[in-house]
Amino acid sequence: MIVPAQAVRIVIATKPVDFRKGHDGLAAVVQNELGLDPHSGVVAVFRSKRGDRIKVLVWDGNGLVLVYKRLEQGRFAWPAIRDGVMRLSQAQFEALFEGLDWRRVHGPRRVRRPAAAE
């Protein structure tokens, strides 16, 4: 998989899409249904109805890149189906793409620094 840069925004379209759609059809979904600019570098992840296939759409600066993956066994872990979009961290995206449960991956914990002593 071509791994997107760390600073890239990664989103999942929670509602399944028609998997006959290609680059342009999915770019239209990103723009019209998700309200995002498909040419901004955002990584958009789409699911099939059965949940065993994903398509990843990203603008790499020169063109739209479409990655398709089908699991031979099992299904991808998905959030509840509803209209809208959900954001993922880089680690969660990598787990999802590998067919793992991304919900078990947590980002780095923020450590609060103690207040300066007066």
PDB file of N, CA and C in Angstrom:
ATOM      1  N   MET A   1       0.852  -1.186   0.000  1.00  0.00           N
ATOM      2  CA  MET A   1       0.000   0.000   0.000  1.00  0.00           C
ATOM      3  C   MET A   1       0.878   1.223   0.000  1.00  0.00           C
ATOM      4  N   ILE A   2       0.518   2.190  -0.757  1.00  0.00           N
ATOM      5  CA  ILE A   2       1.182   3.481  -0.723  1.00  0.00           C
ATOM      6  C   ILE A   2       0.662   4.188   0.510  1.00  0.00           C
ATOM      7  N   VAL A   3       1.530   4.384   1.489  1.00  0.00           N
ATOM      8  CA  VAL A   3       1.107   4.946   2.764  1.00  0.00           C
ATOM      9  C   VAL A   3       1.089   6.457   2.666  1.00  0.00           C
ATOM     10  N   PRO A   4      -0.046   7.088   3.011  1.00  0.00           N
ATOM     11  CA  PRO A   4      -0.103   8.540   2.975  1.00  0.00           C
ATOM     12  C   PRO A   4       0.781   9.159   4.050  1.00  0.00           C
ATOM     13  N   ALA A   5       1.152  10.405   3.840  1.00  0.00           N
ATOM     14  CA  ALA A   5       1.985  11.128   4.801  1.00  0.00           C
ATOM     15  C   ALA A   5       1.280  11.274   6.143  1.00  0.00           C
ATOM     16  N   GLN A   6       2.040  11.432   7.191  1.00  0.00           N
ATOM     17  CA  GLN A   6       1.509  11.506   8.547  1.00  0.00           C
ATOM     18  C   GLN A   6       0.511  12.654   8.718  1.00  0.00           C
ATOM     19  N   ALA A   7       0.740  13.773   8.054  1.00  0.00           N
ATOM     20  CA  ALA A   7      -0.094  14.957   8.263  1.00  0.00           C
ATOM     21  C   ALA A   7      -1.374  14.945   7.422  1.00  0.00           C
ATOM     22  N   VAL A   8      -1.613  13.894   6.676  1.00  0.00           N
ATOM     23  CA  VAL A   8      -2.783  13.821   5.808  1.00  0.00           C
ATOM     24  C   VAL A   8      -4.030  13.493   6.622  1.00  0.00           C
ATOM     25  N   ARG A   9      -5.131  14.099   6.242  1.00  0.00           N
ATOM     26  CA  ARG A   9      -6.420  13.828   6.879  1.00  0.00           C
ATOM     27  C   ARG A   9      -7.027  12.577   6.251  1.00  0.00           C
ATOM     28  N   ILE A  10      -7.406  11.611   7.091  1.00  0.00           N
ATOM     29  CA  ILE A  10      -7.966  10.352   6.620  1.00  0.00           C
ATOM     30  C   ILE A  10      -9.402  10.257   7.129  1.00  0.00           C
ATOM     31  N   VAL A  11     -10.342  10.017   6.205  1.00  0.00           N
ATOM     32  CA  VAL A  11     -11.750   9.935   6.579  1.00  0.00           C
ATOM     33  C   VAL A  11     -12.380   8.674   5.994  1.00  0.00           C
ATOM     34  N   ILE A  12     -13.370   8.160   6.724  1.00  0.00           N
ATOM     35  CA  ILE A  12     -14.164   7.024   6.252  1.00  0.00           C
ATOM     36  C   ILE A  12     -15.561   7.528   5.936  1.00  0.00           C
ATOM     37  N   ALA A  13     -16.045   7.189   4.758  1.00  0.00           N
ATOM     38  CA  ALA A  13     -17.453   7.411   4.442  1.00  0.00           C
ATOM     39  C   ALA A  13     -18.195   6.250   5.089  1.00  0.00           C
ATOM     40  N   THR A  14     -18.995   6.524   6.105  1.00  0.00           N
ATOM     41  CA  THR A  14     -19.604   5.450   6.890  1.00  0.00           C
ATOM     42  C   THR A  14     -20.705   4.704   6.141  1.00  0.00           C
ATOM     43  N   LYS A  15     -21.278   5.315   5.142  1.00  0.00           N
ATOM     44  CA  LYS A  15     -22.346   4.693   4.358  1.00  0.00           C
ATOM     45  C   LYS A  15     -21.721   3.950   3.169  1.00  0.00           C
ATOM     46  N   PRO A  16     -22.136   2.709   2.899  1.00  0.00           N
ATOM     47  CA  PRO A  16     -21.585   1.981   1.747  1.00  0.00           C
ATOM     48  C   PRO A  16     -21.848   2.719   0.437  1.00  0.00           C
ATOM     49  N   VAL A  17     -20.923   2.568  -0.509  1.00  0.00           N
ATOM     50  CA  VAL A  17     -21.073   3.192  -1.829  1.00  0.00           C
ATOM     51  C   VAL A  17     -21.166   2.107  -2.892  1.00  0.00           C
ATOM     52  N   ASP A  18     -21.655   2.504  -4.055  1.00  0.00           N
ATOM     53  CA  ASP A  18     -21.728   1.620  -5.217  1.00  0.00           C
ATOM     54  C   ASP A  18     -20.299   1.355  -5.685  1.00  0.00           C
ATOM     55  N   PHE A  19     -19.846   0.118  -5.617  1.00  0.00           N
ATOM     56  CA  PHE A  19     -18.459  -0.193  -5.940  1.00  0.00           C
ATOM     57  C   PHE A  19     -18.183  -0.257  -7.431  1.00  0.00           C
ATOM     58  N   ARG A  20     -19.171   0.053  -8.248  1.00  0.00           N
ATOM     59  CA  ARG A  20     -18.927   0.203  -9.684  1.00  0.00           C
ATOM     60  C   ARG A  20     -18.322   1.566  -9.983  1.00  0.00           C
ATOM     61  N   LYS A  21     -18.369   2.482  -9.003  1.00  0.00           N
ATOM     62  CA  LYS A  21     -17.821   3.825  -9.198  1.00  0.00           C
ATOM     63  C   LYS A  21     -16.301   3.761  -9.254  1.00  0.00           C
ATOM     64  N   GLY A  22     -15.761   4.590 -10.127  1.00  0.00           N
ATOM     65  CA  GLY A  22     -14.315   4.691 -10.264  1.00  0.00           C
ATOM     66  C   GLY A  22     -13.816   6.000  -9.675  1.00  0.00           C
ATOM     67  N   HIS A  23     -12.696   6.475 -10.199  1.00  0.00           N
ATOM     68  CA  HIS A  23     -12.069   7.703  -9.709  1.00  0.00           C
ATOM     69  C   HIS A  23     -13.033   8.883  -9.668  1.00  0.00           C
ATOM     70  N   ASP A  24     -13.632   9.170 -10.808  1.00  0.00           N
ATOM     71  CA  ASP A  24     -14.485  10.353 -10.910  1.00  0.00           C
ATOM     72  C   ASP A  24     -15.761  10.221 -10.080  1.00  0.00           C
ATOM     73  N   GLY A  25     -16.362   9.042 -10.084  1.00  0.00           N
ATOM     74  CA  GLY A  25     -17.582   8.828  -9.301  1.00  0.00           C
ATOM     75  C   GLY A  25     -17.333   8.974  -7.808  1.00  0.00           C
ATOM     76  N   LEU A  26     -16.225   8.430  -7.325  1.00  0.00           N
ATOM     77  CA  LEU A  26     -15.907   8.550  -5.907  1.00  0.00           C
ATOM     78  C   LEU A  26     -15.483   9.968  -5.543  1.00  0.00           C
ATOM     79  N   ALA A  27     -14.802  10.652  -6.463  1.00  0.00           N
ATOM     80  CA  ALA A  27     -14.447  12.061  -6.221  1.00  0.00           C
ATOM     81  C   ALA A  27     -15.713  12.899  -6.091  1.00  0.00           C
ATOM     82  N   ALA A  28     -16.740  12.577  -6.880  1.00  0.00           N
ATOM     83  CA  ALA A  28     -18.015  13.280  -6.779  1.00  0.00           C
ATOM     84  C   ALA A  28     -18.679  13.002  -5.433  1.00  0.00           C
ATOM     85  N   VAL A  29     -18.574  11.770  -4.934  1.00  0.00           N
ATOM     86  CA  VAL A  29     -19.122  11.444  -3.610  1.00  0.00           C
ATOM     87  C   VAL A  29     -18.402  12.249  -2.534  1.00  0.00           C
ATOM     88  N   VAL A  30     -17.082  12.323  -2.629  1.00  0.00           N
ATOM     89  CA  VAL A  30     -16.301  13.091  -1.649  1.00  0.00           C
ATOM     90  C   VAL A  30     -16.765  14.541  -1.635  1.00  0.00           C
ATOM     91  N   GLN A  31     -16.943  15.106  -2.810  1.00  0.00           N
ATOM     92  CA  GLN A  31     -17.318  16.518  -2.909  1.00  0.00           C
ATOM     93  C   GLN A  31     -18.786  16.761  -2.552  1.00  0.00           C
ATOM     94  N   ASN A  32     -19.697  16.004  -3.139  1.00  0.00           N
ATOM     95  CA  ASN A  32     -21.124  16.294  -3.000  1.00  0.00           C
ATOM     96  C   ASN A  32     -21.756  15.739  -1.739  1.00  0.00           C
ATOM     97  N   GLU A  33     -21.342  14.552  -1.313  1.00  0.00           N
ATOM     98  CA  GLU A  33     -21.981  13.925  -0.158  1.00  0.00           C
ATOM     99  C   GLU A  33     -21.210  14.139   1.142  1.00  0.00           C
ATOM    100  N   LEU A  34     -19.883  14.184   1.046  1.00  0.00           N
ATOM    101  CA  LEU A  34     -19.076  14.356   2.254  1.00  0.00           C
ATOM    102  C   LEU A  34     -18.684  15.807   2.499  1.00  0.00           C
ATOM    103  N   GLY A  35     -18.846  16.645   1.485  1.00  0.00           N
ATOM    104  CA  GLY A  35     -18.538  18.066   1.637  1.00  0.00           C
ATOM    105  C   GLY A  35     -17.055  18.359   1.738  1.00  0.00           C
ATOM    106  N   LEU A  36     -16.225  17.521   1.126  1.00  0.00           N
ATOM    107  CA  LEU A  36     -14.777  17.708   1.168  1.00  0.00           C
ATOM    108  C   LEU A  36     -14.236  17.912  -0.242  1.00  0.00           C
ATOM    109  N   ASP A  37     -13.055  18.471  -0.345  1.00  0.00           N
ATOM    110  CA  ASP A  37     -12.421  18.674  -1.644  1.00  0.00           C
ATOM    111  C   ASP A  37     -11.562  17.452  -1.962  1.00  0.00           C
ATOM    112  N   PRO A  38     -11.924  16.678  -3.001  1.00  0.00           N
ATOM    113  CA  PRO A  38     -11.152  15.481  -3.310  1.00  0.00           C
ATOM    114  C   PRO A  38      -9.736  15.776  -3.794  1.00  0.00           C
ATOM    115  N   HIS A  39      -9.462  17.026  -4.170  1.00  0.00           N
ATOM    116  CA  HIS A  39      -8.136  17.404  -4.657  1.00  0.00           C
ATOM    117  C   HIS A  39      -7.289  18.083  -3.578  1.00  0.00           C
ATOM    118  N   SER A  40      -7.717  17.974  -2.326  1.00  0.00           N
ATOM    119  CA  SER A  40      -6.992  18.622  -1.236  1.00  0.00           C
ATOM    120  C   SER A  40      -5.952  17.702  -0.595  1.00  0.00           C
ATOM    121  N   GLY A  41      -5.924  16.439  -1.012  1.00  0.00           N
ATOM    122  CA  GLY A  41      -4.999  15.486  -0.407  1.00  0.00           C
ATOM    123  C   GLY A  41      -5.649  14.644   0.666  1.00  0.00           C
ATOM    124  N   VAL A  42      -6.919  14.870   0.938  1.00  0.00           N
ATOM    125  CA  VAL A  42      -7.629  14.060   1.925  1.00  0.00           C
ATOM    126  C   VAL A  42      -7.693  12.617   1.422  1.00  0.00           C
ATOM    127  N   VAL A  43      -7.520  11.668   2.328  1.00  0.00           N
ATOM    128  CA  VAL A  43      -7.627  10.253   1.993  1.00  0.00           C
ATOM    129  C   VAL A  43      -9.042   9.820   2.352  1.00  0.00           C
ATOM    130  N   ALA A  44      -9.806   9.401   1.352  1.00  0.00           N
ATOM    131  CA  ALA A  44     -11.186   8.983   1.571  1.00  0.00           C
ATOM    132  C   ALA A  44     -11.282   7.472   1.426  1.00  0.00           C
ATOM    133  N   VAL A  45     -11.842   6.828   2.455  1.00  0.00           N
ATOM    134  CA  VAL A  45     -11.979   5.371   2.476  1.00  0.00           C
ATOM    135  C   VAL A  45     -13.460   5.034   2.326  1.00  0.00           C
ATOM    136  N   PHE A  46     -13.765   4.149   1.385  1.00  0.00           N
ATOM    137  CA  PHE A  46     -15.139   3.755   1.108  1.00  0.00           C
ATOM    138  C   PHE A  46     -15.296   2.262   1.344  1.00  0.00           C
ATOM    139  N   ARG A  47     -16.497   1.867   1.755  1.00  0.00           N
ATOM    140  CA  ARG A  47     -16.780   0.460   2.011  1.00  0.00           C
ATOM    141  C   ARG A  47     -17.809  -0.081   1.045  1.00  0.00           C
ATOM    142  N   SER A  48     -17.768  -1.388   0.849  1.00  0.00           N
ATOM    143  CA  SER A  48     -18.791  -2.061   0.059  1.00  0.00           C
ATOM    144  C   SER A  48     -19.954  -2.429   0.970  1.00  0.00           C
ATOM    145  N   LYS A  49     -21.039  -2.858   0.378  1.00  0.00           N
ATOM    146  CA  LYS A  49     -22.206  -3.251   1.165  1.00  0.00           C
ATOM    147  C   LYS A  49     -21.895  -4.403   2.116  1.00  0.00           C
ATOM    148  N   ARG A  50     -21.176  -5.395   1.628  1.00  0.00           N
ATOM    149  CA  ARG A  50     -20.858  -6.567   2.452  1.00  0.00           C
ATOM    150  C   ARG A  50     -19.757  -6.301   3.468  1.00  0.00           C
ATOM    151  N   GLY A  51     -18.981  -5.237   3.261  1.00  0.00           N
ATOM    152  CA  GLY A  51     -17.935  -4.888   4.212  1.00  0.00           C
ATOM    153  C   GLY A  51     -16.651  -5.669   4.042  1.00  0.00           C
ATOM    154  N   ASP A  52     -16.520  -6.422   2.949  1.00  0.00           N
ATOM    155  CA  ASP A  52     -15.301  -7.188   2.726  1.00  0.00           C
ATOM    156  C   ASP A  52     -14.370  -6.526   1.715  1.00  0.00           C
ATOM    157  N   ARG A  53     -14.761  -5.337   1.238  1.00  0.00           N
ATOM    158  CA  ARG A  53     -13.973  -4.603   0.245  1.00  0.00           C
ATOM    159  C   ARG A  53     -13.889  -3.138   0.631  1.00  0.00           C
ATOM    160  N   ILE A  54     -12.754  -2.549   0.312  1.00  0.00           N
ATOM    161  CA  ILE A  54     -12.606  -1.109   0.514  1.00  0.00           C
ATOM    162  C   ILE A  54     -11.978  -0.493  -0.727  1.00  0.00           C
ATOM    163  N   LYS A  55     -12.266   0.775  -0.917  1.00  0.00           N
ATOM    164  CA  LYS A  55     -11.604   1.593  -1.925  1.00  0.00           C
ATOM    165  C   LYS A  55     -11.072   2.819  -1.202  1.00  0.00           C
ATOM    166  N   VAL A  56      -9.856   3.192  -1.543  1.00  0.00           N
ATOM    167  CA  VAL A  56      -9.203   4.348  -0.949  1.00  0.00           C
ATOM    168  C   VAL A  56      -8.893   5.313  -2.084  1.00  0.00           C
ATOM    169  N   LEU A  57      -9.359   6.552  -1.954  1.00  0.00           N
ATOM    170  CA  LEU A  57      -9.154   7.572  -2.976  1.00  0.00           C
ATOM    171  C   LEU A  57      -8.333   8.705  -2.392  1.00  0.00           C
ATOM    172  N   VAL A  58      -7.268   9.095  -3.083  1.00  0.00           N
ATOM    173  CA  VAL A  58      -6.416  10.184  -2.613  1.00  0.00           C
ATOM    174  C   VAL A  58      -5.824  10.929  -3.817  1.00  0.00           C
ATOM    175  N   TRP A  59      -5.700  12.221  -3.673  1.00  0.00           N
ATOM    176  CA  TRP A  59      -5.038  13.061  -4.671  1.00  0.00           C
ATOM    177  C   TRP A  59      -3.569  13.125  -4.284  1.00  0.00           C
ATOM    178  N   ASP A  60      -2.662  12.748  -5.179  1.00  0.00           N
ATOM    179  CA  ASP A  60      -1.237  12.732  -4.848  1.00  0.00           C
ATOM    180  C   ASP A  60      -0.484  13.958  -5.353  1.00  0.00           C
ATOM    181  N   GLY A  61      -1.210  14.935  -5.867  1.00  0.00           N
ATOM    182  CA  GLY A  61      -0.586  16.139  -6.395  1.00  0.00           C
ATOM    183  C   GLY A  61      -0.560  16.157  -7.917  1.00  0.00           C
ATOM    184  N   ASN A  62      -0.600  14.973  -8.524  1.00  0.00           N
ATOM    185  CA  ASN A  62      -0.596  14.853  -9.982  1.00  0.00           C
ATOM    186  C   ASN A  62      -1.869  14.234 -10.533  1.00  0.00           C
ATOM    187  N   GLY A  63      -2.576  13.495  -9.688  1.00  0.00           N
ATOM    188  CA  GLY A  63      -3.788  12.827 -10.138  1.00  0.00           C
ATOM    189  C   GLY A  63      -4.435  12.069  -8.993  1.00  0.00           C
ATOM    190  N   LEU A  64      -5.619  11.552  -9.270  1.00  0.00           N
ATOM    191  CA  LEU A  64      -6.327  10.758  -8.271  1.00  0.00           C
ATOM    192  C   LEU A  64      -5.802   9.332  -8.284  1.00  0.00           C
ATOM    193  N   VAL A  65      -5.520   8.803  -7.110  1.00  0.00           N
ATOM    194  CA  VAL A  65      -5.055   7.428  -6.948  1.00  0.00           C
ATOM    195  C   VAL A  65      -6.187   6.648  -6.295  1.00  0.00           C
ATOM    196  N   LEU A  66      -6.527   5.500  -6.865  1.00  0.00           N
ATOM    197  CA  LEU A  66      -7.577   4.655  -6.335  1.00  0.00           C
ATOM    198  C   LEU A  66      -6.984   3.292  -5.996  1.00  0.00           C
ATOM    199  N   VAL A  67      -7.123   2.912  -4.738  1.00  0.00           N
ATOM    200  CA  VAL A  67      -6.636   1.612  -4.270  1.00  0.00           C
ATOM    201  C   VAL A  67      -7.857   0.787  -3.889  1.00  0.00           C
ATOM    202  N   TYR A  68      -7.884  -0.462  -4.321  1.00  0.00           N
ATOM    203  CA  TYR A  68      -9.000  -1.373  -4.061  1.00  0.00           C
ATOM    204  C   TYR A  68      -8.450  -2.591  -3.339  1.00  0.00           C
ATOM    205  N   LYS A  69      -9.115  -3.007  -2.272  1.00  0.00           N
ATOM    206  CA  LYS A  69      -8.685  -4.207  -1.556  1.00  0.00           C
ATOM    207  C   LYS A  69      -9.897  -5.053  -1.200  1.00  0.00           C
ATOM    208  N   ARG A  70      -9.762  -6.366  -1.428  1.00  0.00           N
ATOM    209  CA  ARG A  70     -10.803  -7.333  -1.075  1.00  0.00           C
ATOM    210  C   ARG A  70     -10.183  -8.356  -0.139  1.00  0.00           C
ATOM    211  N   LEU A  71     -10.819  -8.577   0.992  1.00  0.00           N
ATOM    212  CA  LEU A  71     -10.351  -9.603   1.912  1.00  0.00           C
ATOM    213  C   LEU A  71     -10.813 -10.969   1.419  1.00  0.00           C
ATOM    214  N   GLU A  72      -9.946 -11.939   1.474  1.00  0.00           N
ATOM    215  CA  GLU A  72     -10.312 -13.295   1.076  1.00  0.00           C
ATOM    216  C   GLU A  72     -11.204 -13.951   2.121  1.00  0.00           C
ATOM    217  N   GLN A  73     -10.985 -13.609   3.399  1.00  0.00           N
ATOM    218  CA  GLN A  73     -11.816 -14.143   4.475  1.00  0.00           C
ATOM    219  C   GLN A  73     -12.159 -13.021   5.432  1.00  0.00           C
ATOM    220  N   GLY A  74     -13.354 -13.055   5.969  1.00  0.00           N
ATOM    221  CA  GLY A  74     -13.758 -12.074   6.965  1.00  0.00           C
ATOM    222  C   GLY A  74     -14.181 -10.756   6.350  1.00  0.00           C
ATOM    223  N   ARG A  75     -14.333  -9.778   7.234  1.00  0.00           N
ATOM    224  CA  ARG A  75     -14.775  -8.441   6.829  1.00  0.00           C
ATOM    225  C   ARG A  75     -13.941  -7.392   7.539  1.00  0.00           C
ATOM    226  N   PHE A  76     -13.929  -6.207   6.965  1.00  0.00           N
ATOM    227  CA  PHE A  76     -13.277  -5.075   7.612  1.00  0.00           C
ATOM    228  C   PHE A  76     -14.138  -4.613   8.781  1.00  0.00           C
ATOM    229  N   ALA A  77     -13.506  -4.090   9.814  1.00  0.00           N
ATOM    230  CA  ALA A  77     -14.243  -3.510  10.948  1.00  0.00           C
ATOM    231  C   ALA A  77     -14.689  -2.111  10.535  1.00  0.00           C
ATOM    232  N   TRP A  78     -15.991  -1.824  10.671  1.00  0.00           N
ATOM    233  CA  TRP A  78     -16.541  -0.544  10.240  1.00  0.00           C
ATOM    234  C   TRP A  78     -17.324   0.106  11.363  1.00  0.00           C
ATOM    235  N   PRO A  79     -17.391   1.434  11.327  1.00  0.00           N
ATOM    236  CA  PRO A  79     -18.289   2.123  12.267  1.00  0.00           C
ATOM    237  C   PRO A  79     -19.732   1.861  11.847  1.00  0.00           C
ATOM    238  N   ALA A  80     -20.665   2.233  12.700  1.00  0.00           N
ATOM    239  CA  ALA A  80     -22.083   2.059  12.388  1.00  0.00           C
ATOM    240  C   ALA A  80     -22.421   2.785  11.085  1.00  0.00           C
ATOM    241  N   ILE A  81     -23.310   2.187  10.289  1.00  0.00           N
ATOM    242  CA  ILE A  81     -23.702   2.785   9.011  1.00  0.00           C
ATOM    243  C   ILE A  81     -24.625   3.965   9.268  1.00  0.00           C
ATOM    244  N   ARG A  82     -24.239   5.107   8.756  1.00  0.00           N
ATOM    245  CA  ARG A  82     -25.058   6.314   8.805  1.00  0.00           C
ATOM    246  C   ARG A  82     -24.480   7.295   7.786  1.00  0.00           C
ATOM    247  N   ASP A  83     -25.214   8.333   7.503  1.00  0.00           N
ATOM    248  CA  ASP A  83     -24.697   9.341   6.587  1.00  0.00           C
ATOM    249  C   ASP A  83     -23.586  10.100   7.283  1.00  0.00           C
ATOM    250  N   GLY A  84     -22.584  10.439   6.530  1.00  0.00           N
ATOM    251  CA  GLY A  84     -21.531  11.255   7.099  1.00  0.00           C
ATOM    252  C   GLY A  84     -20.164  10.634   6.949  1.00  0.00           C
ATOM    253  N   VAL A  85     -19.261  11.216   7.711  1.00  0.00           N
ATOM    254  CA  VAL A  85     -17.859  10.862   7.591  1.00  0.00           C
ATOM    255  C   VAL A  85     -17.248  10.774   8.989  1.00  0.00           C
ATOM    256  N   MET A  86     -16.232   9.960   9.132  1.00  0.00           N
ATOM    257  CA  MET A  86     -15.548   9.788  10.404  1.00  0.00           C
ATOM    258  C   MET A  86     -14.055   9.874  10.150  1.00  0.00           C
ATOM    259  N   ARG A  87     -13.344  10.534  11.024  1.00  0.00           N
ATOM    260  CA  ARG A  87     -11.906  10.711  10.851  1.00  0.00           C
ATOM    261  C   ARG A  87     -11.130   9.584  11.529  1.00  0.00           C
ATOM    262  N   LEU A  88     -10.028   9.163  10.896  1.00  0.00           N
ATOM    263  CA  LEU A  88      -9.152   8.131  11.436  1.00  0.00           C
ATOM    264  C   LEU A  88      -7.732   8.662  11.580  1.00  0.00           C
ATOM    265  N   SER A  89      -7.007   8.121  12.543  1.00  0.00           N
ATOM    266  CA  SER A  89      -5.583   8.431  12.660  1.00  0.00           C
ATOM    267  C   SER A  89      -4.819   7.565  11.657  1.00  0.00           C
ATOM    268  N   GLN A  90      -3.553   7.871  11.455  1.00  0.00           N
ATOM    269  CA  GLN A  90      -2.710   7.083  10.560  1.00  0.00           C
ATOM    270  C   GLN A  90      -2.649   5.626  11.025  1.00  0.00           C
ATOM    271  N   ALA A  91      -2.468   5.403  12.327  1.00  0.00           N
ATOM    272  CA  ALA A  91      -2.377   4.046  12.867  1.00  0.00           C
ATOM    273  C   ALA A  91      -3.696   3.290  12.682  1.00  0.00           C
ATOM    274  N   GLN A  92      -4.817   3.968  12.890  1.00  0.00           N
ATOM    275  CA  GLN A  92      -6.121   3.328  12.707  1.00  0.00           C
ATOM    276  C   GLN A  92      -6.337   2.952  11.244  1.00  0.00           C
ATOM    277  N   PHE A  93      -5.936   3.844  10.335  1.00  0.00           N
ATOM    278  CA  PHE A  93      -6.062   3.559   8.905  1.00  0.00           C
ATOM    279  C   PHE A  93      -5.228   2.340   8.524  1.00  0.00           C
ATOM    280  N   GLU A  94      -3.999   2.276   9.007  1.00  0.00           N
ATOM    281  CA  GLU A  94      -3.131   1.144   8.687  1.00  0.00           C
ATOM    282  C   GLU A  94      -3.720  -0.167   9.204  1.00  0.00           C
ATOM    283  N   ALA A  95      -4.297  -0.133  10.416  1.00  0.00           N
ATOM    284  CA  ALA A  95      -4.936  -1.333  10.968  1.00  0.00           C
ATOM    285  C   ALA A  95      -6.138  -1.730  10.115  1.00  0.00           C
ATOM    286  N   LEU A  96      -6.965  -0.764   9.739  1.00  0.00           N
ATOM    287  CA  LEU A  96      -8.130  -1.037   8.901  1.00  0.00           C
ATOM    288  C   LEU A  96      -7.694  -1.668   7.589  1.00  0.00           C
ATOM    289  N   PHE A  97      -6.688  -1.098   6.943  1.00  0.00           N
ATOM    290  CA  PHE A  97      -6.240  -1.595   5.642  1.00  0.00           C
ATOM    291  C   PHE A  97      -5.692  -3.016   5.738  1.00  0.00           C
ATOM    292  N   GLU A  98      -5.131  -3.356   6.875  1.00  0.00           N
ATOM    293  CA  GLU A  98      -4.608  -4.713   7.075  1.00  0.00           C
ATOM    294  C   GLU A  98      -5.703  -5.706   7.468  1.00  0.00           C
ATOM    295  N   GLY A  99      -6.924  -5.225   7.645  1.00  0.00           N
ATOM    296  CA  GLY A  99      -8.028  -6.100   8.006  1.00  0.00           C
ATOM    297  C   GLY A  99      -8.155  -6.304   9.500  1.00  0.00           C
ATOM    298  N   LEU A 100      -7.457  -5.492  10.288  1.00  0.00           N
ATOM    299  CA  LEU A 100      -7.516  -5.583  11.742  1.00  0.00           C
ATOM    300  C   LEU A 100      -8.615  -4.670  12.271  1.00  0.00           C
ATOM    301  N   ASP A 101      -8.959  -4.829  13.532  1.00  0.00           N
ATOM    302  CA  ASP A 101      -9.967  -3.976  14.148  1.00  0.00           C
ATOM    303  C   ASP A 101      -9.326  -2.647  14.547  1.00  0.00           C
ATOM    304  N   TRP A 102      -9.537  -1.624  13.757  1.00  0.00           N
ATOM    305  CA  TRP A 102      -8.918  -0.311  13.974  1.00  0.00           C
ATOM    306  C   TRP A 102      -9.419   0.342  15.258  1.00  0.00           C
ATOM    307  N   ARG A 103     -10.564  -0.102  15.777  1.00  0.00           N
ATOM    308  CA  ARG A 103     -11.122   0.494  16.990  1.00  0.00           C
ATOM    309  C   ARG A 103     -10.265   0.179  18.216  1.00  0.00           C
ATOM    310  N   ARG A 104      -9.386  -0.803  18.109  1.00  0.00           N
ATOM    311  CA  ARG A 104      -8.500  -1.158  19.220  1.00  0.00           C
ATOM    312  C   ARG A 104      -7.191  -0.369  19.201  1.00  0.00           C
ATOM    313  N   VAL A 105      -6.989   0.410  18.154  1.00  0.00           N
ATOM    314  CA  VAL A 105      -5.766   1.205  18.022  1.00  0.00           C
ATOM    315  C   VAL A 105      -6.033   2.593  18.574  1.00  0.00           C
ATOM    316  N   HIS A 106      -5.209   3.014  19.486  1.00  0.00           N
ATOM    317  CA  HIS A 106      -5.366   4.333  20.091  1.00  0.00           C
ATOM    318  C   HIS A 106      -4.168   5.190  19.723  1.00  0.00           C
ATOM    319  N   GLY A 107      -4.430   6.447  19.532  1.00  0.00           N
ATOM    320  CA  GLY A 107      -3.365   7.384  19.217  1.00  0.00           C
ATOM    321  C   GLY A 107      -2.480   7.618  20.426  1.00  0.00           C
ATOM    322  N   PRO A 108      -1.448   8.396  20.236  1.00  0.00           N
ATOM    323  CA  PRO A 108      -0.566   8.678  21.363  1.00  0.00           C
ATOM    324  C   PRO A 108      -1.312   9.414  22.459  1.00  0.00           C
ATOM    325  N   ARG A 109      -1.043   9.027  23.667  1.00  0.00           N
ATOM    326  CA  ARG A 109      -1.701   9.685  24.802  1.00  0.00           C
ATOM    327  C   ARG A 109      -0.988  10.981  25.110  1.00  0.00           C
ATOM    328  N   ARG A 110      -1.785  11.970  25.384  1.00  0.00           N
ATOM    329  CA  ARG A 110      -1.214  13.276  25.727  1.00  0.00           C
ATOM    330  C   ARG A 110      -0.902  13.302  27.222  1.00  0.00           C
ATOM    331  N   VAL A 111       0.307  13.656  27.502  1.00  0.00           N
ATOM    332  CA  VAL A 111       0.739  13.705  28.886  1.00  0.00           C
ATOM    333  C   VAL A 111       0.680  15.167  29.342  1.00  0.00           C
ATOM    334  N   ARG A 112      -0.001  15.370  30.436  1.00  0.00           N
ATOM    335  CA  ARG A 112      -0.075  16.732  30.974  1.00  0.00           C
ATOM    336  C   ARG A 112       1.176  17.006  31.804  1.00  0.00           C
ATOM    337  N   ARG A 113       1.757  18.108  31.503  1.00  0.00           N
ATOM    338  CA  ARG A 113       2.947  18.505  32.266  1.00  0.00           C
ATOM    339  C   ARG A 113       2.497  19.190  33.545  1.00  0.00           C
ATOM    340  N   PRO A 114       3.185  18.907  34.622  1.00  0.00           N
ATOM    341  CA  PRO A 114       2.804  19.565  35.878  1.00  0.00           C
ATOM    342  C   PRO A 114       3.029  21.067  35.767  1.00  0.00           C
ATOM    343  N   ALA A 115       2.193  21.796  36.485  1.00  0.00           N
ATOM    344  CA  ALA A 115       2.315  23.257  36.474  1.00  0.00           C
ATOM    345  C   ALA A 115       3.646  23.642  37.114  1.00  0.00           C
ATOM    346  N   ALA A 116       4.208  24.716  36.612  1.00  0.00           N
ATOM    347  CA  ALA A 116       5.496  25.188  37.135  1.00  0.00           C
ATOM    348  C   ALA A 116       5.335  25.612  38.580  1.00  0.00           C
ATOM    349  N   ALA A 117       6.284  25.207  39.403  1.00  0.00           N
ATOM    350  CA  ALA A 117       6.240  25.568  40.830  1.00  0.00           C
ATOM    351  C   ALA A 117       6.569  27.055  40.993  1.00  0.00           C
ATOM    352  N   GLU A 118       5.831  27.668  41.839  1.00  0.00           N
ATOM    353  CA  GLU A 118       6.064  29.100  42.052  1.00  0.00           C
ATOM    354  C   GLU A 118       6.970  29.355  43.217  1.00  0.00           C
TER     355      GLU A 118
END
